[in-house]
Amino acid sequence: MKRIVITGGTGFIGLSLAKHLSEHGLIPILIGRNAPNAKINFEYVRWDAIHPGDWIKALDGAFAIVNLAGRSVDCIKSPDNCDEILRSRVDSTKVIGQALRQVANPPKIWLQMSTAHIYGDPPVQMCTESSSMGYGLAPFVGMAWENALLESIPGGVREVRLRTSFVLGRNGGALKKLIKVARLGFGGRVGHGRQGMSWIHQDDLNEIMYQTIVSSSYQGIYNASSPNPVSNEAFMKAIRKNLKIPFGLPTPDLLARVGARIFFRTDPELALYGRYVKSERLEKEGFKFKYAEIDEALKDLLQRSE
């Protein structure tokens, strides 16, 4: 049976992917800084994401490596946090490259998480894989992350980069915070509400990652994002609809900036800015989204989380 090593695999995306891969007969091995909080049925190996160690043994004979490692961007962007956001991605990618050169039978597939933030925050442009990069912290981090992969990957290893948008999941991510905001009565638009909300259901992300592992036609950059991004105003309206909340107060720019920092300890720009992203390359591969519309995605997630 084929083993899949998932670095940074103890977060909600990694655990969800591990379950999905195991359902397809693959054997996930989770590598992370800390053991998962929930009880799991998968092998777990600790690393520090900086130095080679015993975790390298898991790579020998593995079918593929999936690198999800990186500090969450759901935080206040202090200088220390910004530094950690960058280093946690670049350093972990580099040490994986070092490790692959130390094993006799390294995996032949390297699936690397990246970010749709790499396109910046264009107000109306629909970003595809051929779009130009943006300017600012997130695009800088995204480009450094991808460059670290290209500099580290050994010859003969197929590489796939997933520029992933806002992942809608049941057991993690920012959706729970948005649901809480809506239930408190502030489920209206944030700022002017026209900023793009590109999103993907966790089940579709899992299937994309599975397909990139088992299908040799996948190579290079793909936007992991629903084909139907929506505005912030439409996104919040869909949340209210599925929670059966008839009305939500809008959150003006200033209130969002103050409230995000004080009550949610996060960066207000995550809500005040955004981008419209879709994938031309997944469409060419023939990938079919199970949840292509925001309404059906939220209906599934909210019903199953009750």
Protein backbone atom coordinates (compact mmCIF):
# COMPACT_ATOMS: atom_id res chain seq x y z
CA MET A 1 0.00 0.00 0.00
CA LYS A 2 1.23 3.49 -0.87
CA ARG A 3 2.38 5.76 1.96
CA ILE A 4 1.75 9.52 1.76
CA VAL A 5 3.82 11.73 4.06
CA ILE A 6 1.98 14.90 5.12
CA THR A 7 4.23 17.52 6.69
CA GLY A 8 2.33 20.09 8.69
CA GLY A 9 -0.31 17.39 8.73
CA THR A 10 -1.78 17.85 12.21
CA GLY A 11 -3.92 20.90 11.41
CA PHE A 12 -7.52 20.67 10.23
CA ILE A 13 -6.56 20.53 6.53
CA GLY A 14 -3.99 17.81 7.13
CA LEU A 15 -6.28 15.66 9.26
CA SER A 16 -9.12 16.04 6.75
CA LEU A 17 -6.80 15.07 3.90
CA ALA A 18 -5.45 12.07 5.83
CA LYS A 19 -8.96 10.72 6.31
CA HIS A 20 -9.74 11.24 2.62
CA LEU A 21 -6.57 9.49 1.47
CA SER A 22 -7.14 6.56 3.81
CA GLU A 23 -10.62 6.11 2.35
CA HIS A 24 -8.91 5.66 -1.03
CA GLY A 25 -6.61 2.95 0.31
CA LEU A 26 -3.53 5.13 0.87
CA ILE A 27 -1.59 5.26 4.13
CA PRO A 28 -1.10 8.79 5.54
CA ILE A 29 1.84 9.55 7.82
CA LEU A 30 1.43 12.82 9.70
CA ILE A 31 4.48 14.91 10.52
CA GLY A 32 4.03 17.96 12.74
CA ARG A 33 5.38 20.04 15.60
CA ASN A 34 2.70 18.82 18.00
CA ALA A 35 0.53 15.74 18.15
CA PRO A 36 -3.09 16.26 17.07
CA ASN A 37 -5.55 17.20 19.78
CA ALA A 38 -8.07 14.64 18.53
CA LYS A 39 -7.52 10.89 18.68
CA ILE A 40 -6.31 9.66 15.29
CA ASN A 41 -5.71 6.32 13.64
CA PHE A 42 -2.71 7.50 11.62
CA GLU A 43 0.99 7.31 12.32
CA TYR A 44 2.38 10.56 13.74
CA VAL A 45 6.03 11.65 13.72
CA ARG A 46 7.30 14.83 15.37
CA TRP A 47 9.57 17.39 13.70
CA ASP A 48 10.58 21.00 14.31
CA ALA A 49 10.21 21.96 10.62
CA ILE A 50 13.75 23.36 10.63
CA HIS A 51 16.24 20.55 11.14
CA PRO A 52 16.65 17.04 9.73
CA GLY A 53 15.74 14.34 12.22
CA ASP A 54 14.21 10.89 12.66
CA TRP A 55 11.20 12.02 10.61
CA ILE A 56 13.33 11.62 7.48
CA LYS A 57 12.92 7.84 7.75
CA ALA A 58 9.24 8.24 6.87
CA LEU A 59 10.22 9.59 3.43
CA ASP A 60 12.16 6.49 2.40
CA GLY A 61 9.90 4.46 0.13
CA ALA A 62 6.95 6.86 0.41
CA PHE A 63 4.82 7.39 -2.70
CA ALA A 64 4.38 11.15 -2.24
CA ILE A 65 4.99 14.03 0.12
CA VAL A 66 2.38 16.71 0.78
CA ASN A 67 3.76 19.85 2.44
CA LEU A 68 1.17 21.88 4.34
CA ALA A 69 3.59 23.35 6.90
CA GLY A 70 3.28 27.01 7.79
CA ARG A 71 2.13 29.25 10.62
CA SER A 72 -1.50 30.35 10.34
CA VAL A 73 -2.09 33.81 8.84
CA ASP A 74 -5.14 34.18 11.10
CA CYS A 75 -3.30 36.43 13.53
CA ILE A 76 -2.31 40.02 14.18
CA LYS A 77 0.47 40.91 11.76
CA SER A 78 3.09 41.94 14.30
CA PRO A 79 6.73 41.91 13.12
CA ASP A 80 7.33 38.67 15.02
CA ASN A 81 4.27 36.97 13.53
CA CYS A 82 5.13 38.16 10.01
CA ASP A 83 8.64 36.77 10.41
CA GLU A 84 7.28 33.43 11.62
CA ILE A 85 4.70 33.26 8.80
CA LEU A 86 7.52 33.57 6.26
CA ARG A 87 10.16 31.42 7.96
CA SER A 88 7.77 28.59 8.85
CA ARG A 89 7.01 28.14 5.15
CA VAL A 90 10.42 28.69 3.60
CA ASP A 91 12.49 26.84 6.21
CA SER A 92 10.21 23.77 6.26
CA THR A 93 10.29 23.58 2.46
CA LYS A 94 14.07 23.80 2.38
CA VAL A 95 14.57 21.10 5.01
CA ILE A 96 12.27 18.76 3.10
CA GLY A 97 14.50 19.26 0.05
CA GLN A 98 17.54 18.40 2.15
CA ALA A 99 15.81 15.32 3.53
CA LEU A 100 14.82 13.98 0.11
CA ARG A 101 18.50 13.90 -0.86
CA GLN A 102 19.34 11.76 2.17
CA VAL A 103 17.03 8.81 1.56
CA ALA A 104 17.67 5.91 -0.78
CA ASN A 105 14.15 5.78 -2.23
CA PRO A 106 12.55 9.25 -2.04
CA PRO A 107 8.95 9.95 -3.09
CA LYS A 108 8.49 10.89 -6.74
CA ILE A 109 5.70 13.41 -6.10
CA TRP A 110 5.91 16.64 -4.09
CA LEU A 111 2.58 18.38 -3.56
CA GLN A 112 3.13 21.84 -2.10
CA MET A 113 0.54 24.08 -0.51
CA SER A 114 0.67 27.69 -1.68
CA THR A 115 -1.74 30.61 -1.43
CA ALA A 116 -4.17 32.49 -3.64
CA HIS A 117 -3.07 35.60 -1.72
CA ILE A 118 -0.12 35.56 -4.11
CA TYR A 119 -2.26 37.52 -6.60
CA GLY A 120 -2.75 40.40 -4.18
CA ASP A 121 -6.11 42.17 -3.92
CA PRO A 122 -7.19 43.40 -7.36
CA PRO A 123 -10.67 44.96 -7.02
CA VAL A 124 -12.44 43.40 -10.02
CA GLN A 125 -9.96 41.22 -11.91
CA MET A 126 -10.59 37.45 -12.04
CA CYS A 127 -7.26 35.83 -11.24
CA THR A 128 -6.21 32.61 -12.96
CA GLU A 129 -2.93 30.71 -12.98
CA SER A 130 -1.58 33.09 -15.64
CA SER A 131 -2.35 36.28 -13.68
CA SER A 132 0.41 38.56 -12.39
CA MET A 133 1.52 38.50 -8.77
CA GLY A 134 0.37 41.11 -6.27
CA TYR A 135 2.23 43.42 -3.92
CA GLY A 136 2.47 43.24 -0.15
CA LEU A 137 3.22 40.76 2.63
CA ALA A 138 1.04 37.88 1.44
CA PRO A 139 2.25 37.91 -2.20
CA PHE A 140 5.85 38.24 -0.96
CA VAL A 141 5.41 35.22 1.33
CA GLY A 142 3.67 33.23 -1.42
CA MET A 143 6.44 33.87 -3.93
CA ALA A 144 9.18 33.05 -1.39
CA TRP A 145 7.33 29.83 -0.49
CA GLU A 146 7.08 28.69 -4.11
CA ASN A 147 10.66 29.71 -4.90
CA ALA A 148 11.88 27.66 -1.94
CA LEU A 149 10.17 24.63 -3.48
CA LEU A 150 11.70 25.18 -6.91
CA GLU A 151 15.15 25.60 -5.35
CA SER A 152 14.78 22.52 -3.12
CA ILE A 153 13.07 19.89 -5.24
CA PRO A 154 15.39 17.14 -6.52
CA GLY A 155 15.43 16.16 -10.17
CA GLY A 156 12.94 13.52 -11.21
CA VAL A 157 10.31 14.54 -8.65
CA ARG A 158 6.95 15.70 -10.04
CA GLU A 159 5.93 18.95 -8.37
CA VAL A 160 2.46 20.41 -7.93
CA ARG A 161 1.69 23.78 -6.30
CA LEU A 162 -1.83 24.51 -5.08
CA ARG A 163 -2.57 28.21 -4.71
CA THR A 164 -5.36 27.68 -2.23
CA SER A 165 -8.14 30.10 -1.39
CA PHE A 166 -10.25 30.34 1.80
CA VAL A 167 -10.89 26.73 2.89
CA LEU A 168 -14.38 26.13 4.26
CA GLY A 169 -14.21 23.32 6.80
CA ARG A 170 -16.09 21.85 9.75
CA ASN A 171 -13.32 21.57 12.29
CA GLY A 172 -11.06 24.54 11.71
CA GLY A 173 -10.29 27.64 9.74
CA ALA A 174 -12.02 31.02 9.85
CA LEU A 175 -15.57 29.86 9.05
CA LYS A 176 -16.38 29.33 12.74
CA LYS A 177 -15.48 32.96 13.47
CA LEU A 178 -17.71 34.21 10.67
CA ILE A 179 -20.60 32.09 11.96
CA LYS A 180 -20.09 33.55 15.43
CA VAL A 181 -20.12 37.08 13.99
CA ALA A 182 -23.38 36.36 12.14
CA ARG A 183 -25.03 34.94 15.26
CA LEU A 184 -24.05 38.07 17.19
CA GLY A 185 -26.01 40.11 14.64
CA PHE A 186 -23.06 41.47 12.63
CA GLY A 187 -23.51 39.21 9.61
CA GLY A 188 -23.74 41.99 7.02
CA ARG A 189 -21.06 43.11 4.60
CA VAL A 190 -17.61 44.03 5.90
CA GLY A 191 -16.37 47.40 4.65
CA HIS A 192 -17.84 48.15 1.22
CA GLY A 193 -18.60 44.44 0.72
CA ARG A 194 -17.37 44.27 -2.89
CA GLN A 195 -14.05 42.56 -2.07
CA GLY A 196 -13.70 39.08 -3.50
CA MET A 197 -14.26 35.97 -1.39
CA SER A 198 -12.60 33.08 -3.17
CA TRP A 199 -13.31 29.87 -1.32
CA ILE A 200 -13.19 26.07 -1.56
CA HIS A 201 -15.03 23.34 0.34
CA GLN A 202 -12.63 21.06 2.23
CA ASP A 203 -14.01 17.99 0.44
CA ASP A 204 -13.13 19.48 -2.95
CA LEU A 205 -9.67 20.45 -1.73
CA ASN A 206 -9.13 16.90 -0.48
CA GLU A 207 -10.15 15.47 -3.85
CA ILE A 208 -7.92 17.89 -5.75
CA MET A 209 -4.95 16.84 -3.62
CA TYR A 210 -5.80 13.17 -4.10
CA GLN A 211 -6.05 13.60 -7.88
CA THR A 212 -2.73 15.45 -8.07
CA ILE A 213 -1.08 12.58 -6.22
CA VAL A 214 -2.45 9.70 -8.29
CA SER A 215 -2.66 11.32 -11.74
CA SER A 216 0.63 12.04 -13.52
CA SER A 217 -1.03 14.66 -15.75
CA TYR A 218 -1.03 17.15 -12.86
CA GLN A 219 2.13 19.23 -12.75
CA GLY A 220 2.98 22.81 -11.82
CA ILE A 221 0.60 25.50 -10.57
CA TYR A 222 -3.14 25.13 -9.94
CA ASN A 223 -5.55 27.49 -8.23
CA ALA A 224 -7.39 25.42 -5.62
CA SER A 225 -10.53 27.52 -5.55
CA SER A 226 -14.21 27.12 -6.38
CA PRO A 227 -15.09 28.20 -9.94
CA ASN A 228 -17.63 30.65 -8.49
CA PRO A 229 -16.05 33.21 -6.13
CA VAL A 230 -18.43 35.76 -4.64
CA SER A 231 -18.27 39.19 -3.05
CA ASN A 232 -17.96 39.55 0.71
CA GLU A 233 -21.53 40.86 0.81
CA ALA A 234 -22.85 37.78 -1.03
CA PHE A 235 -20.78 35.45 1.14
CA MET A 236 -22.14 36.90 4.38
CA LYS A 237 -25.68 36.78 2.98
CA ALA A 238 -25.23 33.07 2.22
CA ILE A 239 -24.06 32.44 5.80
CA ARG A 240 -27.11 34.23 7.20
CA LYS A 241 -29.41 32.29 4.89
CA ASN A 242 -28.04 28.93 5.99
CA LEU A 243 -28.14 29.92 9.65
CA LYS A 244 -31.69 31.22 9.18
CA ILE A 245 -30.69 34.67 10.41
CA PRO A 246 -32.85 37.24 8.56
CA PHE A 247 -30.68 40.31 9.09
CA GLY A 248 -27.06 41.23 9.73
CA LEU A 249 -25.64 44.61 10.61
CA PRO A 250 -22.87 45.78 8.28
CA THR A 251 -19.42 46.28 9.75
CA PRO A 252 -17.87 49.59 8.69
CA ASP A 253 -14.17 49.71 7.89
CA LEU A 254 -13.11 51.33 11.18
CA LEU A 255 -15.18 48.98 13.33
CA ALA A 256 -13.76 45.96 11.46
CA ARG A 257 -10.21 47.16 12.07
CA VAL A 258 -10.81 47.66 15.79
CA GLY A 259 -13.00 44.60 16.37
CA ALA A 260 -10.73 42.15 14.53
CA ARG A 261 -7.76 43.08 16.66
CA ILE A 262 -9.50 43.34 20.04
CA PHE A 263 -12.11 40.55 19.91
CA PHE A 264 -10.69 38.06 17.40
CA ARG A 265 -6.97 38.76 17.69
CA THR A 266 -6.55 38.68 13.94
CA ASP A 267 -5.70 40.84 10.96
CA PRO A 268 -8.70 42.94 9.80
CA GLU A 269 -7.36 42.98 6.24
CA LEU A 270 -8.29 39.30 5.93
CA ALA A 271 -11.91 40.48 5.77
CA LEU A 272 -11.52 43.99 4.34
CA TYR A 273 -9.54 42.89 1.28
CA GLY A 274 -9.95 39.96 -1.06
CA ARG A 275 -9.61 38.58 -4.56
CA TYR A 276 -11.62 36.74 -7.18
CA VAL A 277 -9.81 33.53 -8.13
CA LYS A 278 -10.66 30.52 -10.27
CA SER A 279 -8.67 27.76 -11.97
CA GLU A 280 -8.32 27.41 -15.72
CA ARG A 281 -5.93 24.48 -15.32
CA LEU A 282 -8.23 22.35 -13.15
CA GLU A 283 -10.95 22.85 -15.74
CA LYS A 284 -8.58 21.62 -18.47
CA GLU A 285 -7.76 18.58 -16.33
CA GLY A 286 -11.49 17.81 -16.23
CA PHE A 287 -11.81 18.20 -12.47
CA LYS A 288 -15.44 18.39 -11.30
CA PHE A 289 -16.25 20.29 -8.12
CA LYS A 290 -18.74 18.68 -5.77
CA TYR A 291 -19.50 22.09 -4.25
CA ALA A 292 -19.25 24.74 -6.96
CA GLU A 293 -21.72 27.21 -5.40
CA ILE A 294 -21.34 28.91 -2.04
CA ASP A 295 -24.92 28.16 -0.99
CA GLU A 296 -24.60 24.39 -1.39
CA ALA A 297 -21.17 24.38 0.26
CA LEU A 298 -22.41 26.21 3.35
CA LYS A 299 -25.57 24.13 3.50
CA ASP A 300 -23.47 20.97 3.66
CA LEU A 301 -21.03 22.32 6.24
CA LEU A 302 -23.58 23.89 8.56
CA GLN A 303 -25.96 20.93 8.46
CA ARG A 304 -23.21 18.44 9.18
CA SER A 305 -21.78 20.55 11.99
CA GLU A 306 -25.08 20.74 13.91
